[in-house]
Amino acid sequence: MPPIQSTAPTAMERSPYPVSLTDFVLRFSTTNKCRAILSGLLGFRAALHSAGLTEGFQWIDGSFIENIEEIESREPADVDVVTFFHLPR
């Protein structure tokens, strides 16, 4: 999942990127703090599923996916997520 290219911000090779949940977890479970944040995200997704919201997709953004450890020498505090879902019939 490459970052947006600052020299070509409207290029087609930009987010959003479709990615499996497994690949997302494997890529971003780099520290204990990140694993705790991912655990919360997975719990949120499980709650959505339990409420019958089983079809849709999510946009995930924020410092969690922006390599904030290197940019600002700190761990991410949370994950930003927008959920798009289809209401069950």
N, C-alpha and C. Protein backbone atom coordinates (compact mmCIF):
# COMPACT_ATOMS: atom_id res chain seq x y z
N MET A 1 0.84 -1.17 0.00
CA MET A 1 0.00 0.00 0.00
C MET A 1 0.89 1.24 0.00
N PRO A 2 1.23 1.70 -1.16
CA PRO A 2 2.12 2.85 -1.23
C PRO A 2 1.43 4.15 -0.81
N PRO A 3 2.20 5.10 -0.31
CA PRO A 3 1.60 6.39 0.06
C PRO A 3 1.27 7.21 -1.18
N ILE A 4 0.49 8.25 -1.00
CA ILE A 4 0.21 9.17 -2.09
C ILE A 4 1.51 9.83 -2.52
N GLN A 5 1.72 9.97 -3.80
CA GLN A 5 2.93 10.60 -4.32
C GLN A 5 2.75 12.12 -4.29
N SER A 6 3.56 12.81 -3.52
CA SER A 6 3.41 14.26 -3.41
C SER A 6 3.67 14.97 -4.73
N THR A 7 4.45 14.36 -5.61
CA THR A 7 4.72 14.99 -6.91
C THR A 7 3.62 14.72 -7.94
N ALA A 8 2.75 13.75 -7.66
CA ALA A 8 1.65 13.41 -8.57
C ALA A 8 0.41 13.02 -7.75
N PRO A 9 -0.15 13.95 -6.98
CA PRO A 9 -1.24 13.60 -6.07
C PRO A 9 -2.53 13.12 -6.73
N THR A 10 -2.69 13.36 -8.04
CA THR A 10 -3.90 12.90 -8.72
C THR A 10 -3.65 11.67 -9.59
N ALA A 11 -2.47 11.07 -9.46
CA ALA A 11 -2.16 9.87 -10.24
C ALA A 11 -3.11 8.74 -9.87
N MET A 12 -3.31 7.83 -10.78
CA MET A 12 -4.22 6.70 -10.54
C MET A 12 -3.68 5.73 -9.49
N GLU A 13 -2.38 5.73 -9.26
CA GLU A 13 -1.77 4.83 -8.28
C GLU A 13 -1.84 5.47 -6.90
N ARG A 14 -3.04 5.64 -6.39
CA ARG A 14 -3.23 6.29 -5.10
C ARG A 14 -4.38 5.62 -4.36
N SER A 15 -4.54 5.99 -3.13
CA SER A 15 -5.59 5.38 -2.33
C SER A 15 -6.96 5.81 -2.85
N PRO A 16 -8.01 5.06 -2.55
CA PRO A 16 -8.00 3.89 -1.66
C PRO A 16 -7.51 2.63 -2.37
N TYR A 17 -6.88 1.77 -1.58
CA TYR A 17 -6.37 0.51 -2.08
C TYR A 17 -7.21 -0.63 -1.51
N PRO A 18 -7.78 -1.45 -2.37
CA PRO A 18 -8.46 -2.64 -1.85
C PRO A 18 -7.42 -3.60 -1.26
N VAL A 19 -7.66 -4.07 -0.05
CA VAL A 19 -6.72 -4.98 0.60
C VAL A 19 -7.51 -5.91 1.51
N SER A 20 -7.06 -7.14 1.61
CA SER A 20 -7.73 -8.08 2.51
C SER A 20 -7.44 -7.70 3.95
N LEU A 21 -8.34 -8.08 4.84
CA LEU A 21 -8.14 -7.80 6.25
C LEU A 21 -6.88 -8.51 6.76
N THR A 22 -6.65 -9.72 6.29
CA THR A 22 -5.46 -10.46 6.70
C THR A 22 -4.19 -9.72 6.31
N ASP A 23 -4.12 -9.25 5.07
CA ASP A 23 -2.94 -8.51 4.63
C ASP A 23 -2.77 -7.21 5.41
N PHE A 24 -3.87 -6.54 5.71
CA PHE A 24 -3.81 -5.30 6.47
C PHE A 24 -3.24 -5.55 7.87
N VAL A 25 -3.75 -6.57 8.53
CA VAL A 25 -3.27 -6.90 9.88
C VAL A 25 -1.80 -7.30 9.84
N LEU A 26 -1.41 -8.12 8.87
CA LEU A 26 -0.01 -8.53 8.78
C LEU A 26 0.91 -7.34 8.54
N ARG A 27 0.48 -6.39 7.73
CA ARG A 27 1.32 -5.23 7.41
C ARG A 27 1.46 -4.26 8.59
N PHE A 28 0.38 -4.06 9.37
CA PHE A 28 0.40 -3.01 10.37
C PHE A 28 0.49 -3.50 11.82
N SER A 29 0.66 -4.78 12.04
CA SER A 29 0.80 -5.27 13.42
C SER A 29 2.27 -5.29 13.83
N THR A 30 2.90 -4.13 13.77
CA THR A 30 4.35 -4.03 13.94
C THR A 30 4.81 -3.84 15.38
N THR A 31 3.93 -3.32 16.24
CA THR A 31 4.31 -3.09 17.65
C THR A 31 3.16 -3.55 18.54
N ASN A 32 3.42 -3.65 19.84
CA ASN A 32 2.35 -4.01 20.77
C ASN A 32 1.22 -2.99 20.73
N LYS A 33 1.57 -1.70 20.64
CA LYS A 33 0.56 -0.65 20.56
C LYS A 33 -0.29 -0.81 19.30
N CYS A 34 0.34 -1.07 18.17
CA CYS A 34 -0.41 -1.26 16.92
C CYS A 34 -1.29 -2.50 16.99
N ARG A 35 -0.79 -3.55 17.62
CA ARG A 35 -1.61 -4.76 17.77
C ARG A 35 -2.82 -4.49 18.66
N ALA A 36 -2.66 -3.66 19.69
CA ALA A 36 -3.80 -3.29 20.54
C ALA A 36 -4.82 -2.48 19.75
N ILE A 37 -4.36 -1.55 18.92
CA ILE A 37 -5.27 -0.77 18.08
C ILE A 37 -5.99 -1.69 17.10
N LEU A 38 -5.26 -2.60 16.49
CA LEU A 38 -5.88 -3.55 15.57
C LEU A 38 -6.91 -4.43 16.27
N SER A 39 -6.62 -4.81 17.49
CA SER A 39 -7.58 -5.60 18.26
C SER A 39 -8.89 -4.83 18.44
N GLY A 40 -8.78 -3.53 18.72
CA GLY A 40 -9.97 -2.70 18.83
C GLY A 40 -10.72 -2.61 17.52
N LEU A 41 -9.99 -2.46 16.41
CA LEU A 41 -10.63 -2.41 15.09
C LEU A 41 -11.35 -3.72 14.79
N LEU A 42 -10.70 -4.83 15.09
CA LEU A 42 -11.34 -6.13 14.85
C LEU A 42 -12.57 -6.31 15.74
N GLY A 43 -12.51 -5.80 16.97
CA GLY A 43 -13.68 -5.84 17.85
C GLY A 43 -14.83 -5.01 17.30
N PHE A 44 -14.51 -3.83 16.76
CA PHE A 44 -15.51 -2.97 16.14
C PHE A 44 -16.15 -3.68 14.95
N ARG A 45 -15.33 -4.31 14.12
CA ARG A 45 -15.86 -5.04 12.96
C ARG A 45 -16.74 -6.21 13.41
N ALA A 46 -16.34 -6.88 14.48
CA ALA A 46 -17.15 -7.98 15.00
C ALA A 46 -18.50 -7.47 15.51
N ALA A 47 -18.51 -6.29 16.15
CA ALA A 47 -19.76 -5.70 16.63
C ALA A 47 -20.67 -5.34 15.45
N LEU A 48 -20.09 -4.80 14.39
CA LEU A 48 -20.89 -4.51 13.19
C LEU A 48 -21.50 -5.79 12.65
N HIS A 49 -20.69 -6.83 12.57
CA HIS A 49 -21.18 -8.11 12.06
C HIS A 49 -22.29 -8.66 12.95
N SER A 50 -22.11 -8.57 14.25
CA SER A 50 -23.13 -9.06 15.20
C SER A 50 -24.44 -8.28 15.06
N ALA A 51 -24.34 -7.01 14.66
CA ALA A 51 -25.54 -6.19 14.46
C ALA A 51 -26.19 -6.45 13.11
N GLY A 52 -25.64 -7.37 12.33
CA GLY A 52 -26.21 -7.72 11.04
C GLY A 52 -25.65 -6.93 9.87
N LEU A 53 -24.64 -6.11 10.12
CA LEU A 53 -24.03 -5.32 9.05
C LEU A 53 -22.85 -6.11 8.49
N THR A 54 -23.15 -6.94 7.50
CA THR A 54 -22.14 -7.87 6.99
C THR A 54 -21.68 -7.56 5.58
N GLU A 55 -22.29 -6.57 4.93
CA GLU A 55 -21.89 -6.21 3.56
C GLU A 55 -21.47 -4.75 3.52
N GLY A 56 -20.28 -4.50 3.00
CA GLY A 56 -19.81 -3.13 2.88
C GLY A 56 -18.30 -3.10 2.80
N PHE A 57 -17.73 -1.93 3.09
CA PHE A 57 -16.28 -1.78 3.08
C PHE A 57 -15.91 -0.64 4.02
N GLN A 58 -14.62 -0.56 4.32
CA GLN A 58 -14.14 0.49 5.22
C GLN A 58 -12.96 1.22 4.60
N TRP A 59 -12.91 2.52 4.87
CA TRP A 59 -11.74 3.32 4.57
C TRP A 59 -10.97 3.46 5.87
N ILE A 60 -9.70 3.18 5.83
CA ILE A 60 -8.86 3.28 7.03
C ILE A 60 -7.76 4.29 6.73
N ASP A 61 -7.55 5.23 7.67
CA ASP A 61 -6.61 6.32 7.44
C ASP A 61 -6.02 6.78 8.76
N GLY A 62 -5.29 7.86 8.71
CA GLY A 62 -4.74 8.47 9.91
C GLY A 62 -3.31 8.05 10.18
N SER A 63 -2.82 8.47 11.34
CA SER A 63 -1.42 8.21 11.69
C SER A 63 -1.12 6.72 11.76
N PHE A 64 -2.14 5.91 11.98
CA PHE A 64 -1.93 4.46 12.08
C PHE A 64 -1.27 3.91 10.82
N ILE A 65 -1.63 4.43 9.67
CA ILE A 65 -1.08 3.89 8.41
C ILE A 65 -0.06 4.82 7.76
N GLU A 66 0.32 5.90 8.44
CA GLU A 66 1.21 6.89 7.83
C GLU A 66 2.65 6.84 8.31
N ASN A 67 3.07 5.74 8.91
CA ASN A 67 4.44 5.61 9.39
C ASN A 67 4.80 6.73 10.36
N ILE A 68 3.87 7.03 11.26
CA ILE A 68 4.05 8.14 12.21
C ILE A 68 5.24 7.90 13.14
N GLU A 69 5.60 6.64 13.32
CA GLU A 69 6.76 6.32 14.16
C GLU A 69 8.02 7.00 13.61
N GLU A 70 8.16 6.97 12.30
CA GLU A 70 9.34 7.58 11.67
C GLU A 70 9.14 9.09 11.47
N ILE A 71 7.96 9.51 11.08
CA ILE A 71 7.70 10.92 10.78
C ILE A 71 7.77 11.79 12.02
N GLU A 72 7.12 11.35 13.11
CA GLU A 72 7.04 12.16 14.33
C GLU A 72 7.64 11.50 15.56
N SER A 73 8.32 10.38 15.39
CA SER A 73 8.95 9.64 16.49
C SER A 73 7.96 9.31 17.61
N ARG A 74 6.78 8.84 17.22
CA ARG A 74 5.78 8.43 18.21
C ARG A 74 4.94 7.31 17.62
N GLU A 75 4.27 6.59 18.50
CA GLU A 75 3.35 5.55 18.04
C GLU A 75 2.00 6.16 17.73
N PRO A 76 1.21 5.51 16.88
CA PRO A 76 -0.14 6.02 16.63
C PRO A 76 -1.00 5.83 17.87
N ALA A 77 -1.98 6.70 18.05
CA ALA A 77 -2.87 6.62 19.21
C ALA A 77 -4.17 5.90 18.88
N ASP A 78 -4.52 5.88 17.59
CA ASP A 78 -5.78 5.27 17.19
C ASP A 78 -5.75 5.02 15.69
N VAL A 79 -6.85 4.54 15.18
CA VAL A 79 -7.01 4.34 13.74
C VAL A 79 -8.28 5.08 13.33
N ASP A 80 -8.20 5.79 12.21
CA ASP A 80 -9.37 6.48 11.68
C ASP A 80 -10.06 5.55 10.69
N VAL A 81 -11.36 5.38 10.86
CA VAL A 81 -12.10 4.45 10.00
C VAL A 81 -13.46 5.04 9.63
N VAL A 82 -13.81 4.89 8.36
CA VAL A 82 -15.14 5.24 7.87
C VAL A 82 -15.74 3.96 7.32
N THR A 83 -16.93 3.63 7.76
CA THR A 83 -17.58 2.38 7.36
C THR A 83 -18.75 2.67 6.43
N PHE A 84 -18.76 2.00 5.30
CA PHE A 84 -19.87 2.05 4.35
C PHE A 84 -20.51 0.66 4.38
N PHE A 85 -21.81 0.61 4.64
CA PHE A 85 -22.45 -0.70 4.75
C PHE A 85 -23.81 -0.69 4.07
N HIS A 86 -24.27 -1.87 3.74
CA HIS A 86 -25.60 -2.07 3.18
C HIS A 86 -26.50 -2.53 4.33
N LEU A 87 -27.62 -1.87 4.49
CA LEU A 87 -28.56 -2.30 5.52
C LEU A 87 -29.15 -3.64 5.13
N PRO A 88 -29.25 -4.55 6.09
CA PRO A 88 -29.86 -5.86 5.79
C PRO A 88 -31.34 -5.68 5.46
N ARG A 89 -31.84 -6.54 4.63
CA ARG A 89 -33.26 -6.47 4.23
C ARG A 89 -34.12 -7.27 5.16
